[in-house]
Amino acid sequence: MKIVTLEVRAPGESMKEFVQAWKSGKAQRSARIGFETPELLWKVLSAKRWELLKALCGAGPVSIREAARRVERDVKAVHSDVTALLSAGLLNRTETGNIEFPYEAIKVEFLLHAA
């Protein structure tokens, strides 16, 4: 199963992991997308965008208009959400201009530390 893990971690930690993978020549077994703070994670992954990802999971490549139809939302609003999700690395754009969610599942991972 192809899973993407969304995690909250400092950029330095992500870079350290990247360097380690580069030196060893071994890539991670799963895709990981890091966010610096939980607030940034929730800003990028709003309720509407989560709904959109659920609708696209397993759907294969679709047009933005089709994605909007599936979530029963305005095309312009869905286009804005698609742009944010493309920038975050959660969606891909195909050669034909369609969009796709290239994973079978999402795992969200972060710790809440005491102040």
N, C-alpha and C. Protein backbone atom coordinates (compact mmCIF):
# COMPACT_ATOMS: atom_id res chain seq x y z
N MET A 1 0.85 -1.18 0.00
CA MET A 1 0.00 0.00 0.00
C MET A 1 0.89 1.23 0.00
N LYS A 2 0.60 2.15 -0.88
CA LYS A 2 1.38 3.39 -0.99
C LYS A 2 0.78 4.44 -0.06
N ILE A 3 1.51 4.75 1.01
CA ILE A 3 1.03 5.65 2.06
C ILE A 3 1.89 6.90 2.08
N VAL A 4 1.26 8.06 2.29
CA VAL A 4 1.99 9.29 2.52
C VAL A 4 1.80 9.66 3.99
N THR A 5 2.89 9.99 4.66
CA THR A 5 2.83 10.39 6.06
C THR A 5 3.01 11.90 6.15
N LEU A 6 2.05 12.58 6.75
CA LEU A 6 2.15 14.01 7.03
C LEU A 6 2.62 14.14 8.46
N GLU A 7 3.68 14.89 8.66
CA GLU A 7 4.25 14.98 10.00
C GLU A 7 4.65 16.40 10.34
N VAL A 8 4.70 16.67 11.63
CA VAL A 8 5.16 17.96 12.12
C VAL A 8 6.57 17.75 12.64
N ARG A 9 7.51 18.48 12.02
CA ARG A 9 8.90 18.38 12.45
C ARG A 9 9.67 19.60 11.96
N ALA A 10 10.71 19.92 12.66
CA ALA A 10 11.54 21.06 12.30
C ALA A 10 12.23 20.80 10.96
N PRO A 11 12.42 21.86 10.16
CA PRO A 11 13.09 21.68 8.86
C PRO A 11 14.47 21.03 8.99
N GLY A 12 15.18 21.32 10.06
CA GLY A 12 16.50 20.72 10.28
C GLY A 12 16.44 19.21 10.40
N GLU A 13 15.39 18.70 11.04
CA GLU A 13 15.22 17.25 11.17
C GLU A 13 14.99 16.61 9.81
N SER A 14 14.17 17.25 9.00
CA SER A 14 13.90 16.73 7.65
C SER A 14 15.17 16.73 6.82
N MET A 15 15.94 17.79 6.93
CA MET A 15 17.17 17.89 6.15
C MET A 15 18.18 16.83 6.61
N LYS A 16 18.26 16.61 7.90
CA LYS A 16 19.17 15.59 8.43
C LYS A 16 18.81 14.21 7.88
N GLU A 17 17.52 13.90 7.83
CA GLU A 17 17.05 12.63 7.30
C GLU A 17 17.36 12.52 5.80
N PHE A 18 17.19 13.63 5.07
CA PHE A 18 17.49 13.65 3.65
C PHE A 18 18.97 13.36 3.41
N VAL A 19 19.84 14.02 4.16
CA VAL A 19 21.28 13.83 4.01
C VAL A 19 21.65 12.37 4.32
N GLN A 20 21.05 11.82 5.33
CA GLN A 20 21.33 10.43 5.71
C GLN A 20 20.92 9.48 4.57
N ALA A 21 19.75 9.71 3.99
CA ALA A 21 19.29 8.88 2.87
C ALA A 21 20.21 9.06 1.66
N TRP A 22 20.65 10.29 1.44
CA TRP A 22 21.53 10.59 0.30
C TRP A 22 22.86 9.83 0.45
N LYS A 23 23.42 9.88 1.65
CA LYS A 23 24.71 9.23 1.89
C LYS A 23 24.60 7.70 1.81
N SER A 24 23.51 7.17 2.33
CA SER A 24 23.35 5.71 2.35
C SER A 24 22.87 5.17 1.00
N GLY A 25 22.26 6.04 0.19
CA GLY A 25 21.72 5.61 -1.10
C GLY A 25 20.42 4.85 -0.96
N LYS A 26 19.86 4.86 0.23
CA LYS A 26 18.60 4.13 0.48
C LYS A 26 17.48 5.13 0.75
N ALA A 27 16.47 5.09 -0.10
CA ALA A 27 15.32 5.97 0.08
C ALA A 27 14.42 5.43 1.18
N GLN A 28 13.59 6.31 1.72
CA GLN A 28 12.62 5.88 2.72
C GLN A 28 11.60 4.96 2.08
N ARG A 29 11.00 4.12 2.89
CA ARG A 29 10.01 3.19 2.37
C ARG A 29 8.68 3.86 2.06
N SER A 30 8.41 4.97 2.69
CA SER A 30 7.14 5.65 2.42
C SER A 30 7.39 7.13 2.20
N ALA A 31 6.46 7.76 1.49
CA ALA A 31 6.55 9.20 1.24
C ALA A 31 6.25 9.95 2.53
N ARG A 32 6.97 11.04 2.76
CA ARG A 32 6.76 11.86 3.95
C ARG A 32 6.73 13.32 3.53
N ILE A 33 5.79 14.05 4.10
CA ILE A 33 5.69 15.49 3.88
C ILE A 33 5.69 16.14 5.25
N GLY A 34 6.65 17.03 5.48
CA GLY A 34 6.80 17.64 6.79
C GLY A 34 6.27 19.07 6.84
N PHE A 35 5.72 19.42 7.97
CA PHE A 35 5.23 20.77 8.25
C PHE A 35 5.92 21.25 9.52
N GLU A 36 6.28 22.52 9.54
CA GLU A 36 7.04 23.05 10.67
C GLU A 36 6.22 23.11 11.96
N THR A 37 4.92 23.40 11.85
CA THR A 37 4.06 23.50 13.04
C THR A 37 2.73 22.80 12.79
N PRO A 38 2.05 22.38 13.85
CA PRO A 38 0.71 21.81 13.67
C PRO A 38 -0.25 22.81 13.01
N GLU A 39 -0.08 24.09 13.34
CA GLU A 39 -0.95 25.12 12.76
C GLU A 39 -0.81 25.18 11.24
N LEU A 40 0.42 25.04 10.76
CA LEU A 40 0.65 25.05 9.31
C LEU A 40 0.04 23.80 8.66
N LEU A 41 0.18 22.67 9.33
CA LEU A 41 -0.44 21.44 8.83
C LEU A 41 -1.94 21.62 8.67
N TRP A 42 -2.60 22.16 9.70
CA TRP A 42 -4.07 22.32 9.65
C TRP A 42 -4.48 23.42 8.69
N LYS A 43 -3.61 24.39 8.47
CA LYS A 43 -3.91 25.44 7.49
C LYS A 43 -3.92 24.86 6.07
N VAL A 44 -2.91 24.04 5.79
CA VAL A 44 -2.83 23.41 4.46
C VAL A 44 -3.90 22.34 4.30
N LEU A 45 -4.15 21.59 5.35
CA LEU A 45 -5.08 20.46 5.28
C LEU A 45 -6.40 20.82 5.97
N SER A 46 -7.08 21.81 5.42
CA SER A 46 -8.37 22.25 5.97
C SER A 46 -9.42 21.15 5.78
N ALA A 47 -10.57 21.32 6.40
CA ALA A 47 -11.65 20.33 6.30
C ALA A 47 -12.09 20.14 4.84
N LYS A 48 -12.20 21.21 4.09
CA LYS A 48 -12.62 21.12 2.68
C LYS A 48 -11.56 20.40 1.85
N ARG A 49 -10.30 20.65 2.13
CA ARG A 49 -9.22 19.99 1.38
C ARG A 49 -9.14 18.51 1.75
N TRP A 50 -9.40 18.19 3.01
CA TRP A 50 -9.43 16.79 3.44
C TRP A 50 -10.56 16.06 2.71
N GLU A 51 -11.70 16.70 2.61
CA GLU A 51 -12.85 16.13 1.89
C GLU A 51 -12.48 15.90 0.42
N LEU A 52 -11.78 16.83 -0.17
CA LEU A 52 -11.34 16.71 -1.56
C LEU A 52 -10.39 15.52 -1.72
N LEU A 53 -9.43 15.38 -0.81
CA LEU A 53 -8.50 14.26 -0.88
C LEU A 53 -9.23 12.93 -0.75
N LYS A 54 -10.21 12.86 0.13
CA LYS A 54 -10.99 11.63 0.28
C LYS A 54 -11.72 11.29 -1.02
N ALA A 55 -12.25 12.30 -1.69
CA ALA A 55 -12.97 12.08 -2.94
C ALA A 55 -12.03 11.64 -4.06
N LEU A 56 -10.77 12.06 -4.01
CA LEU A 56 -9.81 11.73 -5.06
C LEU A 56 -9.05 10.44 -4.80
N CYS A 57 -9.10 9.95 -3.57
CA CYS A 57 -8.39 8.73 -3.21
C CYS A 57 -8.93 7.55 -4.02
N GLY A 58 -8.06 6.95 -4.81
CA GLY A 58 -8.46 5.80 -5.63
C GLY A 58 -9.19 6.15 -6.91
N ALA A 59 -9.38 7.43 -7.19
CA ALA A 59 -10.15 7.85 -8.36
C ALA A 59 -9.33 7.89 -9.64
N GLY A 60 -8.02 7.92 -9.51
CA GLY A 60 -7.18 8.08 -10.70
C GLY A 60 -7.21 9.53 -11.15
N PRO A 61 -6.62 9.83 -12.30
CA PRO A 61 -6.59 11.21 -12.79
C PRO A 61 -7.99 11.73 -13.14
N VAL A 62 -8.30 12.94 -12.66
CA VAL A 62 -9.59 13.58 -12.96
C VAL A 62 -9.34 15.07 -13.23
N SER A 63 -10.29 15.69 -13.90
CA SER A 63 -10.21 17.13 -14.12
C SER A 63 -10.62 17.86 -12.84
N ILE A 64 -10.27 19.12 -12.76
CA ILE A 64 -10.69 19.92 -11.60
C ILE A 64 -12.21 20.03 -11.57
N ARG A 65 -12.81 20.15 -12.74
CA ARG A 65 -14.27 20.22 -12.82
C ARG A 65 -14.91 18.94 -12.27
N GLU A 66 -14.33 17.79 -12.60
CA GLU A 66 -14.84 16.52 -12.08
C GLU A 66 -14.64 16.43 -10.58
N ALA A 67 -13.48 16.89 -10.10
CA ALA A 67 -13.23 16.89 -8.65
C ALA A 67 -14.25 17.76 -7.94
N ALA A 68 -14.56 18.93 -8.50
CA ALA A 68 -15.56 19.83 -7.91
C ALA A 68 -16.93 19.16 -7.88
N ARG A 69 -17.26 18.44 -8.94
CA ARG A 69 -18.55 17.75 -9.00
C ARG A 69 -18.63 16.68 -7.90
N ARG A 70 -17.55 15.97 -7.68
CA ARG A 70 -17.54 14.89 -6.69
C ARG A 70 -17.73 15.40 -5.26
N VAL A 71 -17.24 16.60 -4.99
CA VAL A 71 -17.39 17.15 -3.64
C VAL A 71 -18.52 18.18 -3.56
N GLU A 72 -19.22 18.36 -4.69
CA GLU A 72 -20.37 19.27 -4.76
C GLU A 72 -19.99 20.69 -4.31
N ARG A 73 -18.91 21.20 -4.94
CA ARG A 73 -18.42 22.54 -4.62
C ARG A 73 -18.17 23.32 -5.90
N ASP A 74 -18.01 24.61 -5.75
CA ASP A 74 -17.71 25.52 -6.86
C ASP A 74 -16.34 25.20 -7.45
N VAL A 75 -16.24 25.21 -8.78
CA VAL A 75 -14.99 24.90 -9.47
C VAL A 75 -13.87 25.85 -9.05
N LYS A 76 -14.16 27.12 -8.92
CA LYS A 76 -13.14 28.11 -8.55
C LYS A 76 -12.56 27.81 -7.16
N ALA A 77 -13.43 27.47 -6.21
CA ALA A 77 -12.97 27.16 -4.86
C ALA A 77 -12.13 25.88 -4.85
N VAL A 78 -12.56 24.87 -5.61
CA VAL A 78 -11.81 23.62 -5.69
C VAL A 78 -10.47 23.86 -6.37
N HIS A 79 -10.44 24.71 -7.38
CA HIS A 79 -9.18 25.05 -8.06
C HIS A 79 -8.19 25.63 -7.06
N SER A 80 -8.65 26.52 -6.20
CA SER A 80 -7.80 27.13 -5.18
C SER A 80 -7.25 26.05 -4.23
N ASP A 81 -8.11 25.13 -3.81
CA ASP A 81 -7.66 24.05 -2.93
C ASP A 81 -6.69 23.11 -3.64
N VAL A 82 -6.95 22.82 -4.89
CA VAL A 82 -6.06 21.95 -5.67
C VAL A 82 -4.68 22.60 -5.78
N THR A 83 -4.63 23.89 -6.02
CA THR A 83 -3.35 24.60 -6.11
C THR A 83 -2.56 24.46 -4.81
N ALA A 84 -3.22 24.61 -3.68
CA ALA A 84 -2.54 24.47 -2.38
C ALA A 84 -2.06 23.03 -2.17
N LEU A 85 -2.88 22.06 -2.55
CA LEU A 85 -2.50 20.66 -2.36
C LEU A 85 -1.39 20.23 -3.33
N LEU A 86 -1.37 20.80 -4.53
CA LEU A 86 -0.26 20.57 -5.46
C LEU A 86 1.04 21.13 -4.88
N SER A 87 0.97 22.34 -4.33
CA SER A 87 2.15 22.98 -3.74
C SER A 87 2.69 22.20 -2.55
N ALA A 88 1.78 21.58 -1.78
CA ALA A 88 2.18 20.80 -0.61
C ALA A 88 2.70 19.41 -0.99
N GLY A 89 2.51 19.01 -2.24
CA GLY A 89 2.98 17.69 -2.67
C GLY A 89 1.98 16.58 -2.48
N LEU A 90 0.74 16.92 -2.14
CA LEU A 90 -0.28 15.89 -1.91
C LEU A 90 -1.00 15.48 -3.18
N LEU A 91 -0.99 16.31 -4.19
CA LEU A 91 -1.58 15.98 -5.48
C LEU A 91 -0.53 16.10 -6.56
N ASN A 92 -0.73 15.39 -7.64
CA ASN A 92 0.12 15.49 -8.83
C ASN A 92 -0.71 15.97 -10.00
N ARG A 93 -0.05 16.63 -10.93
CA ARG A 93 -0.70 17.01 -12.18
C ARG A 93 -0.17 16.07 -13.26
N THR A 94 -1.09 15.48 -14.03
CA THR A 94 -0.68 14.56 -15.09
C THR A 94 -0.27 15.33 -16.34
N GLU A 95 0.27 14.62 -17.30
CA GLU A 95 0.68 15.25 -18.56
C GLU A 95 -0.50 15.86 -19.31
N THR A 96 -1.69 15.30 -19.10
CA THR A 96 -2.89 15.82 -19.78
C THR A 96 -3.53 16.98 -19.03
N GLY A 97 -2.95 17.36 -17.87
CA GLY A 97 -3.47 18.49 -17.11
C GLY A 97 -4.46 18.10 -16.02
N ASN A 98 -4.77 16.81 -15.92
CA ASN A 98 -5.65 16.36 -14.84
C ASN A 98 -4.87 16.32 -13.52
N ILE A 99 -5.59 16.10 -12.45
CA ILE A 99 -4.97 15.98 -11.13
C ILE A 99 -5.20 14.58 -10.60
N GLU A 100 -4.29 14.13 -9.74
CA GLU A 100 -4.49 12.83 -9.12
C GLU A 100 -3.87 12.80 -7.73
N PHE A 101 -4.49 12.01 -6.88
CA PHE A 101 -3.94 11.74 -5.56
C PHE A 101 -3.19 10.41 -5.70
N PRO A 102 -1.85 10.44 -5.68
CA PRO A 102 -1.06 9.26 -6.03
C PRO A 102 -0.86 8.24 -4.91
N TYR A 103 -1.58 8.38 -3.82
CA TYR A 103 -1.41 7.47 -2.68
C TYR A 103 -2.71 6.72 -2.41
N GLU A 104 -2.59 5.65 -1.64
CA GLU A 104 -3.76 4.88 -1.26
C GLU A 104 -4.25 5.25 0.14
N ALA A 105 -3.41 5.94 0.90
CA ALA A 105 -3.78 6.31 2.26
C ALA A 105 -2.91 7.47 2.75
N ILE A 106 -3.43 8.18 3.76
CA ILE A 106 -2.70 9.26 4.42
C ILE A 106 -2.59 8.92 5.90
N LYS A 107 -1.40 9.14 6.43
CA LYS A 107 -1.17 8.97 7.87
C LYS A 107 -0.71 10.32 8.39
N VAL A 108 -1.34 10.82 9.43
CA VAL A 108 -0.96 12.10 10.03
C VAL A 108 -0.28 11.78 11.37
N GLU A 109 0.91 12.36 11.58
CA GLU A 109 1.71 12.01 12.73
C GLU A 109 2.33 13.27 13.36
N PHE A 110 2.01 13.54 14.62
CA PHE A 110 2.72 14.59 15.35
C PHE A 110 2.51 14.41 16.84
N LEU A 111 3.42 14.98 17.62
CA LEU A 111 3.35 14.92 19.07
C LEU A 111 2.98 16.28 19.62
N LEU A 112 2.19 16.30 20.65
CA LEU A 112 1.87 17.53 21.36
C LEU A 112 2.65 17.48 22.67
N HIS A 113 3.60 18.39 22.81
CA HIS A 113 4.47 18.42 23.99
C HIS A 113 3.91 19.39 25.04
N ALA A 114 4.16 19.09 26.29
CA ALA A 114 3.78 19.99 27.38
C ALA A 114 4.59 21.27 27.27
N ALA A 115 3.98 22.37 27.67
CA ALA A 115 4.64 23.68 27.57
C ALA A 115 5.77 23.78 28.57
